[in-house]
Amino acid sequence: MRLLPWSGPEGKPRYLSTDDRDGCMSRLANNIESVRLGTAAELLKQATESLGDEHARPEDMQLLAKDLTGALRDMLRLATSRGHLLAVSESHRI
């Protein structure tokens, strides 16, 4: 079971049950994960620059913190999903 990078109704996790890594839903999930990784990298770059800017406005820093929080949530979800996939993969090798 693959934890998908989006939630269902009421924020509940969504899972994909398939062995087809090239299927439509798998490709969609991969694309969304790729976009979210790129977004997280850009936000990290922006945060690094902003933290060194003594003229950064509090409102901008607050928005950046909010965006970073969302990106961190997405990355934790991705890490959890990939960790589960690795654990399943490892158990099939033994």
PDB file of N, CA and C in Angstrom:
ATOM      1  N   MET A   1       0.847  -1.177   0.000  1.00  0.00           N
ATOM      2  CA  MET A   1       0.000   0.000   0.000  1.00  0.00           C
ATOM      3  C   MET A   1       0.892   1.240   0.000  1.00  0.00           C
ATOM      4  N   ARG A   2       0.586   2.147  -0.875  1.00  0.00           N
ATOM      5  CA  ARG A   2       1.351   3.389  -0.962  1.00  0.00           C
ATOM      6  C   ARG A   2       0.513   4.522  -0.404  1.00  0.00           C
ATOM      7  N   LEU A   3       1.071   5.235   0.559  1.00  0.00           N
ATOM      8  CA  LEU A   3       0.428   6.433   1.083  1.00  0.00           C
ATOM      9  C   LEU A   3       0.539   7.512   0.019  1.00  0.00           C
ATOM     10  N   LEU A   4      -0.588   8.010  -0.441  1.00  0.00           N
ATOM     11  CA  LEU A   4      -0.581   9.012  -1.502  1.00  0.00           C
ATOM     12  C   LEU A   4      -0.251  10.393  -0.929  1.00  0.00           C
ATOM     13  N   PRO A   5       0.280  11.286  -1.766  1.00  0.00           N
ATOM     14  CA  PRO A   5       0.702  12.599  -1.277  1.00  0.00           C
ATOM     15  C   PRO A   5      -0.444  13.599  -1.126  1.00  0.00           C
ATOM     16  N   TRP A   6      -1.655  13.125  -1.051  1.00  0.00           N
ATOM     17  CA  TRP A   6      -2.789  14.001  -0.788  1.00  0.00           C
ATOM     18  C   TRP A   6      -3.728  13.284   0.169  1.00  0.00           C
ATOM     19  N   SER A   7      -4.534  14.075   0.849  1.00  0.00           N
ATOM     20  CA  SER A   7      -5.485  13.531   1.817  1.00  0.00           C
ATOM     21  C   SER A   7      -6.857  13.410   1.189  1.00  0.00           C
ATOM     22  N   GLY A   8      -7.659  12.570   1.806  1.00  0.00           N
ATOM     23  CA  GLY A   8      -9.042  12.421   1.386  1.00  0.00           C
ATOM     24  C   GLY A   8      -9.932  13.350   2.185  1.00  0.00           C
ATOM     25  N   PRO A   9     -11.223  13.103   2.139  1.00  0.00           N
ATOM     26  CA  PRO A   9     -12.155  13.919   2.909  1.00  0.00           C
ATOM     27  C   PRO A   9     -11.784  13.915   4.390  1.00  0.00           C
ATOM     28  N   GLU A  10     -11.962  15.043   5.000  1.00  0.00           N
ATOM     29  CA  GLU A  10     -11.694  15.220   6.426  1.00  0.00           C
ATOM     30  C   GLU A  10     -10.234  14.981   6.776  1.00  0.00           C
ATOM     31  N   GLY A  11      -9.335  15.115   5.803  1.00  0.00           N
ATOM     32  CA  GLY A  11      -7.908  14.972   6.053  1.00  0.00           C
ATOM     33  C   GLY A  11      -7.427  13.556   6.260  1.00  0.00           C
ATOM     34  N   LYS A  12      -8.277  12.592   5.951  1.00  0.00           N
ATOM     35  CA  LYS A  12      -7.893  11.187   6.137  1.00  0.00           C
ATOM     36  C   LYS A  12      -6.904  10.760   5.059  1.00  0.00           C
ATOM     37  N   PRO A  13      -5.950   9.881   5.423  1.00  0.00           N
ATOM     38  CA  PRO A  13      -4.965   9.431   4.437  1.00  0.00           C
ATOM     39  C   PRO A  13      -5.605   8.634   3.309  1.00  0.00           C
ATOM     40  N   ARG A  14      -4.975   8.731   2.153  1.00  0.00           N
ATOM     41  CA  ARG A  14      -5.392   7.966   0.978  1.00  0.00           C
ATOM     42  C   ARG A  14      -4.269   7.013   0.611  1.00  0.00           C
ATOM     43  N   TYR A  15      -4.635   5.815   0.223  1.00  0.00           N
ATOM     44  CA  TYR A  15      -3.654   4.801  -0.133  1.00  0.00           C
ATOM     45  C   TYR A  15      -3.934   4.262  -1.528  1.00  0.00           C
ATOM     46  N   LEU A  16      -2.869   3.828  -2.174  1.00  0.00           N
ATOM     47  CA  LEU A  16      -2.961   3.198  -3.483  1.00  0.00           C
ATOM     48  C   LEU A  16      -2.499   1.760  -3.333  1.00  0.00           C
ATOM     49  N   SER A  17      -3.338   0.847  -3.755  1.00  0.00           N
ATOM     50  CA  SER A  17      -3.006  -0.570  -3.685  1.00  0.00           C
ATOM     51  C   SER A  17      -2.796  -1.083  -5.105  1.00  0.00           C
ATOM     52  N   THR A  18      -1.531  -1.134  -5.501  1.00  0.00           N
ATOM     53  CA  THR A  18      -1.209  -1.643  -6.826  1.00  0.00           C
ATOM     54  C   THR A  18       0.264  -2.014  -6.877  1.00  0.00           C
ATOM     55  N   ASP A  19       0.587  -2.954  -7.735  1.00  0.00           N
ATOM     56  CA  ASP A  19       1.977  -3.300  -7.999  1.00  0.00           C
ATOM     57  C   ASP A  19       2.471  -2.623  -9.270  1.00  0.00           C
ATOM     58  N   ASP A  20       1.579  -1.901  -9.934  1.00  0.00           N
ATOM     59  CA  ASP A  20       1.899  -1.242 -11.203  1.00  0.00           C
ATOM     60  C   ASP A  20       2.495   0.140 -10.923  1.00  0.00           C
ATOM     61  N   ARG A  21       3.808   0.223 -10.910  1.00  0.00           N
ATOM     62  CA  ARG A  21       4.485   1.497 -10.632  1.00  0.00           C
ATOM     63  C   ARG A  21       4.385   2.472 -11.804  1.00  0.00           C
ATOM     64  N   ASP A  22       3.940   1.987 -12.962  1.00  0.00           N
ATOM     65  CA  ASP A  22       3.800   2.841 -14.139  1.00  0.00           C
ATOM     66  C   ASP A  22       2.341   3.177 -14.423  1.00  0.00           C
ATOM     67  N   GLY A  23       1.450   2.817 -13.502  1.00  0.00           N
ATOM     68  CA  GLY A  23       0.034   3.101 -13.691  1.00  0.00           C
ATOM     69  C   GLY A  23      -0.255   4.586 -13.564  1.00  0.00           C
ATOM     70  N   CYS A  24      -1.413   4.971 -14.010  1.00  0.00           N
ATOM     71  CA  CYS A  24      -1.829   6.377 -14.019  1.00  0.00           C
ATOM     72  C   CYS A  24      -1.749   7.012 -12.630  1.00  0.00           C
ATOM     73  N   MET A  25      -2.282   6.347 -11.616  1.00  0.00           N
ATOM     74  CA  MET A  25      -2.287   6.917 -10.268  1.00  0.00           C
ATOM     75  C   MET A  25      -0.872   6.974  -9.684  1.00  0.00           C
ATOM     76  N   SER A  26      -0.062   5.978  -9.978  1.00  0.00           N
ATOM     77  CA  SER A  26       1.323   5.990  -9.508  1.00  0.00           C
ATOM     78  C   SER A  26       2.099   7.142 -10.137  1.00  0.00           C
ATOM     79  N   ARG A  27       1.905   7.350 -11.428  1.00  0.00           N
ATOM     80  CA  ARG A  27       2.582   8.466 -12.112  1.00  0.00           C
ATOM     81  C   ARG A  27       2.101   9.803 -11.578  1.00  0.00           C
ATOM     82  N   LEU A  28       0.799   9.935 -11.328  1.00  0.00           N
ATOM     83  CA  LEU A  28       0.257  11.166 -10.770  1.00  0.00           C
ATOM     84  C   LEU A  28       0.862  11.434  -9.393  1.00  0.00           C
ATOM     85  N   ALA A  29       0.907  10.419  -8.543  1.00  0.00           N
ATOM     86  CA  ALA A  29       1.495  10.575  -7.215  1.00  0.00           C
ATOM     87  C   ALA A  29       2.974  10.952  -7.315  1.00  0.00           C
ATOM     88  N   ASN A  30       3.702  10.322  -8.231  1.00  0.00           N
ATOM     89  CA  ASN A  30       5.119  10.651  -8.423  1.00  0.00           C
ATOM     90  C   ASN A  30       5.293  12.100  -8.850  1.00  0.00           C
ATOM     91  N   ASN A  31       4.444  12.558  -9.763  1.00  0.00           N
ATOM     92  CA  ASN A  31       4.535  13.948 -10.226  1.00  0.00           C
ATOM     93  C   ASN A  31       4.244  14.930  -9.097  1.00  0.00           C
ATOM     94  N   ILE A  32       3.227  14.648  -8.312  1.00  0.00           N
ATOM     95  CA  ILE A  32       2.891  15.532  -7.194  1.00  0.00           C
ATOM     96  C   ILE A  32       4.028  15.553  -6.173  1.00  0.00           C
ATOM     97  N   GLU A  33       4.591  14.385  -5.886  1.00  0.00           N
ATOM     98  CA  GLU A  33       5.726  14.329  -4.961  1.00  0.00           C
ATOM     99  C   GLU A  33       6.894  15.145  -5.493  1.00  0.00           C
ATOM    100  N   SER A  34       7.163  15.045  -6.786  1.00  0.00           N
ATOM    101  CA  SER A  34       8.258  15.791  -7.397  1.00  0.00           C
ATOM    102  C   SER A  34       8.040  17.302  -7.275  1.00  0.00           C
ATOM    103  N   VAL A  35       6.832  17.747  -7.542  1.00  0.00           N
ATOM    104  CA  VAL A  35       6.512  19.170  -7.425  1.00  0.00           C
ATOM    105  C   VAL A  35       6.680  19.631  -5.982  1.00  0.00           C
ATOM    106  N   ARG A  36       6.206  18.820  -5.044  1.00  0.00           N
ATOM    107  CA  ARG A  36       6.309  19.207  -3.629  1.00  0.00           C
ATOM    108  C   ARG A  36       7.756  19.237  -3.161  1.00  0.00           C
ATOM    109  N   LEU A  37       8.585  18.329  -3.649  1.00  0.00           N
ATOM    110  CA  LEU A  37      10.007  18.369  -3.317  1.00  0.00           C
ATOM    111  C   LEU A  37      10.651  19.649  -3.861  1.00  0.00           C
ATOM    112  N   GLY A  38      10.295  20.007  -5.076  1.00  0.00           N
ATOM    113  CA  GLY A  38      10.812  21.242  -5.665  1.00  0.00           C
ATOM    114  C   GLY A  38      10.372  22.472  -4.884  1.00  0.00           C
ATOM    115  N   THR A  39       9.118  22.480  -4.476  1.00  0.00           N
ATOM    116  CA  THR A  39       8.594  23.585  -3.683  1.00  0.00           C
ATOM    117  C   THR A  39       9.329  23.694  -2.353  1.00  0.00           C
ATOM    118  N   ALA A  40       9.557  22.566  -1.709  1.00  0.00           N
ATOM    119  CA  ALA A  40      10.274  22.561  -0.434  1.00  0.00           C
ATOM    120  C   ALA A  40      11.696  23.100  -0.615  1.00  0.00           C
ATOM    121  N   ALA A  41      12.355  22.713  -1.688  1.00  0.00           N
ATOM    122  CA  ALA A  41      13.713  23.197  -1.951  1.00  0.00           C
ATOM    123  C   ALA A  41      13.722  24.710  -2.160  1.00  0.00           C
ATOM    124  N   GLU A  42      12.749  25.208  -2.907  1.00  0.00           N
ATOM    125  CA  GLU A  42      12.657  26.651  -3.136  1.00  0.00           C
ATOM    126  C   GLU A  42      12.369  27.411  -1.838  1.00  0.00           C
ATOM    127  N   LEU A  43      11.479  26.873  -1.023  1.00  0.00           N
ATOM    128  CA  LEU A  43      11.165  27.521   0.256  1.00  0.00           C
ATOM    129  C   LEU A  43      12.380  27.528   1.179  1.00  0.00           C
ATOM    130  N   LEU A  44      13.139  26.448   1.183  1.00  0.00           N
ATOM    131  CA  LEU A  44      14.347  26.396   1.998  1.00  0.00           C
ATOM    132  C   LEU A  44      15.349  27.457   1.550  1.00  0.00           C
ATOM    133  N   LYS A  45      15.500  27.595   0.246  1.00  0.00           N
ATOM    134  CA  LYS A  45      16.391  28.631  -0.298  1.00  0.00           C
ATOM    135  C   LYS A  45      15.903  30.017   0.126  1.00  0.00           C
ATOM    136  N   GLN A  46      14.598  30.245  -0.004  1.00  0.00           N
ATOM    137  CA  GLN A  46      14.021  31.538   0.380  1.00  0.00           C
ATOM    138  C   GLN A  46      14.208  31.794   1.874  1.00  0.00           C
ATOM    139  N   ALA A  47      14.019  30.775   2.685  1.00  0.00           N
ATOM    140  CA  ALA A  47      14.174  30.926   4.137  1.00  0.00           C
ATOM    141  C   ALA A  47      15.616  31.262   4.488  1.00  0.00           C
ATOM    142  N   THR A  48      16.548  30.593   3.836  1.00  0.00           N
ATOM    143  CA  THR A  48      17.964  30.856   4.092  1.00  0.00           C
ATOM    144  C   THR A  48      18.308  32.304   3.781  1.00  0.00           C
ATOM    145  N   GLU A  49      17.791  32.789   2.668  1.00  0.00           N
ATOM    146  CA  GLU A  49      18.043  34.182   2.287  1.00  0.00           C
ATOM    147  C   GLU A  49      17.339  35.154   3.235  1.00  0.00           C
ATOM    148  N   SER A  50      16.103  34.844   3.589  1.00  0.00           N
ATOM    149  CA  SER A  50      15.314  35.750   4.435  1.00  0.00           C
ATOM    150  C   SER A  50      15.863  35.839   5.854  1.00  0.00           C
ATOM    151  N   LEU A  51      16.364  34.735   6.371  1.00  0.00           N
ATOM    152  CA  LEU A  51      16.906  34.746   7.732  1.00  0.00           C
ATOM    153  C   LEU A  51      18.151  35.616   7.829  1.00  0.00           C
ATOM    154  N   GLY A  52      18.836  35.813   6.722  1.00  0.00           N
ATOM    155  CA  GLY A  52      20.002  36.685   6.700  1.00  0.00           C
ATOM    156  C   GLY A  52      19.672  38.131   6.379  1.00  0.00           C
ATOM    157  N   ASP A  53      18.401  38.415   6.146  1.00  0.00           N
ATOM    158  CA  ASP A  53      17.966  39.766   5.759  1.00  0.00           C
ATOM    159  C   ASP A  53      17.419  40.503   6.973  1.00  0.00           C
ATOM    160  N   GLU A  54      18.181  41.446   7.469  1.00  0.00           N
ATOM    161  CA  GLU A  54      17.740  42.183   8.661  1.00  0.00           C
ATOM    162  C   GLU A  54      16.563  43.117   8.372  1.00  0.00           C
ATOM    163  N   HIS A  55      16.252  43.310   7.104  1.00  0.00           N
ATOM    164  CA  HIS A  55      15.134  44.179   6.734  1.00  0.00           C
ATOM    165  C   HIS A  55      13.859  43.393   6.383  1.00  0.00           C
ATOM    166  N   ALA A  56      13.889  42.090   6.582  1.00  0.00           N
ATOM    167  CA  ALA A  56      12.716  41.259   6.273  1.00  0.00           C
ATOM    168  C   ALA A  56      11.555  41.686   7.164  1.00  0.00           C
ATOM    169  N   ARG A  57      10.397  41.833   6.549  1.00  0.00           N
ATOM    170  CA  ARG A  57       9.212  42.266   7.303  1.00  0.00           C
ATOM    171  C   ARG A  57       8.625  41.091   8.078  1.00  0.00           C
ATOM    172  N   PRO A  58       8.110  41.352   9.267  1.00  0.00           N
ATOM    173  CA  PRO A  58       7.494  40.278  10.069  1.00  0.00           C
ATOM    174  C   PRO A  58       6.373  39.553   9.326  1.00  0.00           C
ATOM    175  N   GLU A  59       5.592  40.286   8.529  1.00  0.00           N
ATOM    176  CA  GLU A  59       4.499  39.661   7.786  1.00  0.00           C
ATOM    177  C   GLU A  59       5.033  38.658   6.773  1.00  0.00           C
ATOM    178  N   ASP A  60       6.142  39.036   6.133  1.00  0.00           N
ATOM    179  CA  ASP A  60       6.742  38.132   5.150  1.00  0.00           C
ATOM    180  C   ASP A  60       7.316  36.897   5.837  1.00  0.00           C
ATOM    181  N   MET A  61       7.915  37.091   6.993  1.00  0.00           N
ATOM    182  CA  MET A  61       8.477  35.964   7.735  1.00  0.00           C
ATOM    183  C   MET A  61       7.373  35.034   8.237  1.00  0.00           C
ATOM    184  N   GLN A  62       6.253  35.618   8.631  1.00  0.00           N
ATOM    185  CA  GLN A  62       5.133  34.803   9.096  1.00  0.00           C
ATOM    186  C   GLN A  62       4.576  33.956   7.942  1.00  0.00           C
ATOM    187  N   LEU A  63       4.432  34.551   6.777  1.00  0.00           N
ATOM    188  CA  LEU A  63       3.960  33.808   5.605  1.00  0.00           C
ATOM    189  C   LEU A  63       4.963  32.713   5.228  1.00  0.00           C
ATOM    190  N   LEU A  64       6.240  33.034   5.287  1.00  0.00           N
ATOM    191  CA  LEU A  64       7.272  32.044   4.987  1.00  0.00           C
ATOM    192  C   LEU A  64       7.200  30.879   5.980  1.00  0.00           C
ATOM    193  N   ALA A  65       7.012  31.194   7.257  1.00  0.00           N
ATOM    194  CA  ALA A  65       6.896  30.137   8.273  1.00  0.00           C
ATOM    195  C   ALA A  65       5.681  29.249   7.985  1.00  0.00           C
ATOM    196  N   LYS A  66       4.583  29.855   7.575  1.00  0.00           N
ATOM    197  CA  LYS A  66       3.382  29.087   7.244  1.00  0.00           C
ATOM    198  C   LYS A  66       3.646  28.174   6.043  1.00  0.00           C
ATOM    199  N   ASP A  67       4.294  28.711   5.016  1.00  0.00           N
ATOM    200  CA  ASP A  67       4.599  27.919   3.823  1.00  0.00           C
ATOM    201  C   ASP A  67       5.587  26.796   4.146  1.00  0.00           C
ATOM    202  N   LEU A  68       6.581  27.091   4.983  1.00  0.00           N
ATOM    203  CA  LEU A  68       7.545  26.069   5.382  1.00  0.00           C
ATOM    204  C   LEU A  68       6.877  24.959   6.179  1.00  0.00           C
ATOM    205  N   THR A  69       5.919  25.326   7.027  1.00  0.00           N
ATOM    206  CA  THR A  69       5.188  24.338   7.802  1.00  0.00           C
ATOM    207  C   THR A  69       4.435  23.391   6.882  1.00  0.00           C
ATOM    208  N   GLY A  70       3.777  23.931   5.866  1.00  0.00           N
ATOM    209  CA  GLY A  70       3.070  23.093   4.895  1.00  0.00           C
ATOM    210  C   GLY A  70       4.025  22.191   4.134  1.00  0.00           C
ATOM    211  N   ALA A  71       5.176  22.740   3.738  1.00  0.00           N
ATOM    212  CA  ALA A  71       6.159  21.943   3.004  1.00  0.00           C
ATOM    213  C   ALA A  71       6.723  20.832   3.889  1.00  0.00           C
ATOM    214  N   LEU A  72       6.968  21.145   5.158  1.00  0.00           N
ATOM    215  CA  LEU A  72       7.467  20.123   6.076  1.00  0.00           C
ATOM    216  C   LEU A  72       6.437  19.016   6.264  1.00  0.00           C
ATOM    217  N   ARG A  73       5.170  19.383   6.368  1.00  0.00           N
ATOM    218  CA  ARG A  73       4.097  18.389   6.482  1.00  0.00           C
ATOM    219  C   ARG A  73       4.102  17.477   5.257  1.00  0.00           C
ATOM    220  N   ASP A  74       4.236  18.073   4.074  1.00  0.00           N
ATOM    221  CA  ASP A  74       4.275  17.287   2.833  1.00  0.00           C
ATOM    222  C   ASP A  74       5.487  16.357   2.803  1.00  0.00           C
ATOM    223  N   MET A  75       6.639  16.849   3.247  1.00  0.00           N
ATOM    224  CA  MET A  75       7.852  16.035   3.226  1.00  0.00           C
ATOM    225  C   MET A  75       7.778  14.903   4.245  1.00  0.00           C
ATOM    226  N   LEU A  76       7.178  15.144   5.389  1.00  0.00           N
ATOM    227  CA  LEU A  76       6.994  14.071   6.370  1.00  0.00           C
ATOM    228  C   LEU A  76       6.074  12.991   5.819  1.00  0.00           C
ATOM    229  N   ARG A  77       5.040  13.408   5.116  1.00  0.00           N
ATOM    230  CA  ARG A  77       4.127  12.446   4.493  1.00  0.00           C
ATOM    231  C   ARG A  77       4.867  11.626   3.441  1.00  0.00           C
ATOM    232  N   LEU A  78       5.680  12.290   2.643  1.00  0.00           N
ATOM    233  CA  LEU A  78       6.466  11.604   1.619  1.00  0.00           C
ATOM    234  C   LEU A  78       7.462  10.635   2.268  1.00  0.00           C
ATOM    235  N   ALA A  79       8.142  11.087   3.317  1.00  0.00           N
ATOM    236  CA  ALA A  79       9.111  10.225   4.005  1.00  0.00           C
ATOM    237  C   ALA A  79       8.416   9.018   4.633  1.00  0.00           C
ATOM    238  N   THR A  80       7.260   9.243   5.207  1.00  0.00           N
ATOM    239  CA  THR A  80       6.497   8.140   5.798  1.00  0.00           C
ATOM    240  C   THR A  80       6.106   7.139   4.719  1.00  0.00           C
ATOM    241  N   SER A  81       5.614   7.643   3.608  1.00  0.00           N
ATOM    242  CA  SER A  81       5.215   6.777   2.503  1.00  0.00           C
ATOM    243  C   SER A  81       6.400   5.974   1.992  1.00  0.00           C
ATOM    244  N   ARG A  82       7.504   6.647   1.759  1.00  0.00           N
ATOM    245  CA  ARG A  82       8.687   5.967   1.223  1.00  0.00           C
ATOM    246  C   ARG A  82       9.262   4.992   2.246  1.00  0.00           C
ATOM    247  N   GLY A  83       9.184   5.339   3.521  1.00  0.00           N
ATOM    248  CA  GLY A  83       9.647   4.427   4.568  1.00  0.00           C
ATOM    249  C   GLY A  83       8.841   3.150   4.592  1.00  0.00           C
ATOM    250  N   HIS A  84       7.530   3.285   4.418  1.00  0.00           N
ATOM    251  CA  HIS A  84       6.675   2.095   4.365  1.00  0.00           C
ATOM    252  C   HIS A  84       7.008   1.246   3.140  1.00  0.00           C
ATOM    253  N   LEU A  85       7.234   1.898   2.010  1.00  0.00           N
ATOM    254  CA  LEU A  85       7.573   1.155   0.795  1.00  0.00           C
ATOM    255  C   LEU A  85       8.904   0.433   0.953  1.00  0.00           C
ATOM    256  N   LEU A  86       9.879   1.091   1.590  1.00  0.00           N
ATOM    257  CA  LEU A  86      11.177   0.455   1.803  1.00  0.00           C
ATOM    258  C   LEU A  86      11.053  -0.740   2.734  1.00  0.00           C
ATOM    259  N   ALA A  87      10.253  -0.589   3.788  1.00  0.00           N
ATOM    260  CA  ALA A  87      10.066  -1.684   4.736  1.00  0.00           C
ATOM    261  C   ALA A  87       9.429  -2.895   4.054  1.00  0.00           C
ATOM    262  N   VAL A  88       8.440  -2.645   3.213  1.00  0.00           N
ATOM    263  CA  VAL A  88       7.786  -3.737   2.488  1.00  0.00           C
ATOM    264  C   VAL A  88       8.768  -4.373   1.520  1.00  0.00           C
ATOM    265  N   SER A  89       9.538  -3.554   0.821  1.00  0.00           N
ATOM    266  CA  SER A  89      10.513  -4.058  -0.133  1.00  0.00           C
ATOM    267  C   SER A  89      11.556  -4.921   0.573  1.00  0.00           C
ATOM    268  N   GLU A  90      12.043  -4.469   1.714  1.00  0.00           N
ATOM    269  CA  GLU A  90      13.041  -5.217   2.476  1.00  0.00           C
ATOM    270  C   GLU A  90      12.474  -6.542   2.969  1.00  0.00           C
ATOM    271  N   SER A  91      11.220  -6.562   3.398  1.00  0.00           N
ATOM    272  CA  SER A  91      10.634  -7.794   3.929  1.00  0.00           C
ATOM    273  C   SER A  91      10.437  -8.847   2.835  1.00  0.00           C
ATOM    274  N   HIS A  92      10.304  -8.404   1.583  1.00  0.00           N
ATOM    275  CA  HIS A  92      10.145  -9.356   0.480  1.00  0.00           C
ATOM    276  C   HIS A  92      11.488  -9.965   0.070  1.00  0.00           C
ATOM    277  N   ARG A  93      12.597  -9.324   0.415  1.00  0.00           N
ATOM    278  CA  ARG A  93      13.929  -9.843   0.061  1.00  0.00           C
ATOM    279  C   ARG A  93      14.360 -10.947   1.000  1.00  0.00           C
ATOM    280  N   ILE A  94      13.883 -10.911   2.198  1.00  0.00           N
ATOM    281  CA  ILE A  94      14.334 -11.872   3.225  1.00  0.00           C
ATOM    282  C   ILE A  94      13.722 -13.229   3.012  1.00  0.00           C
TER     283      ILE A  94
END
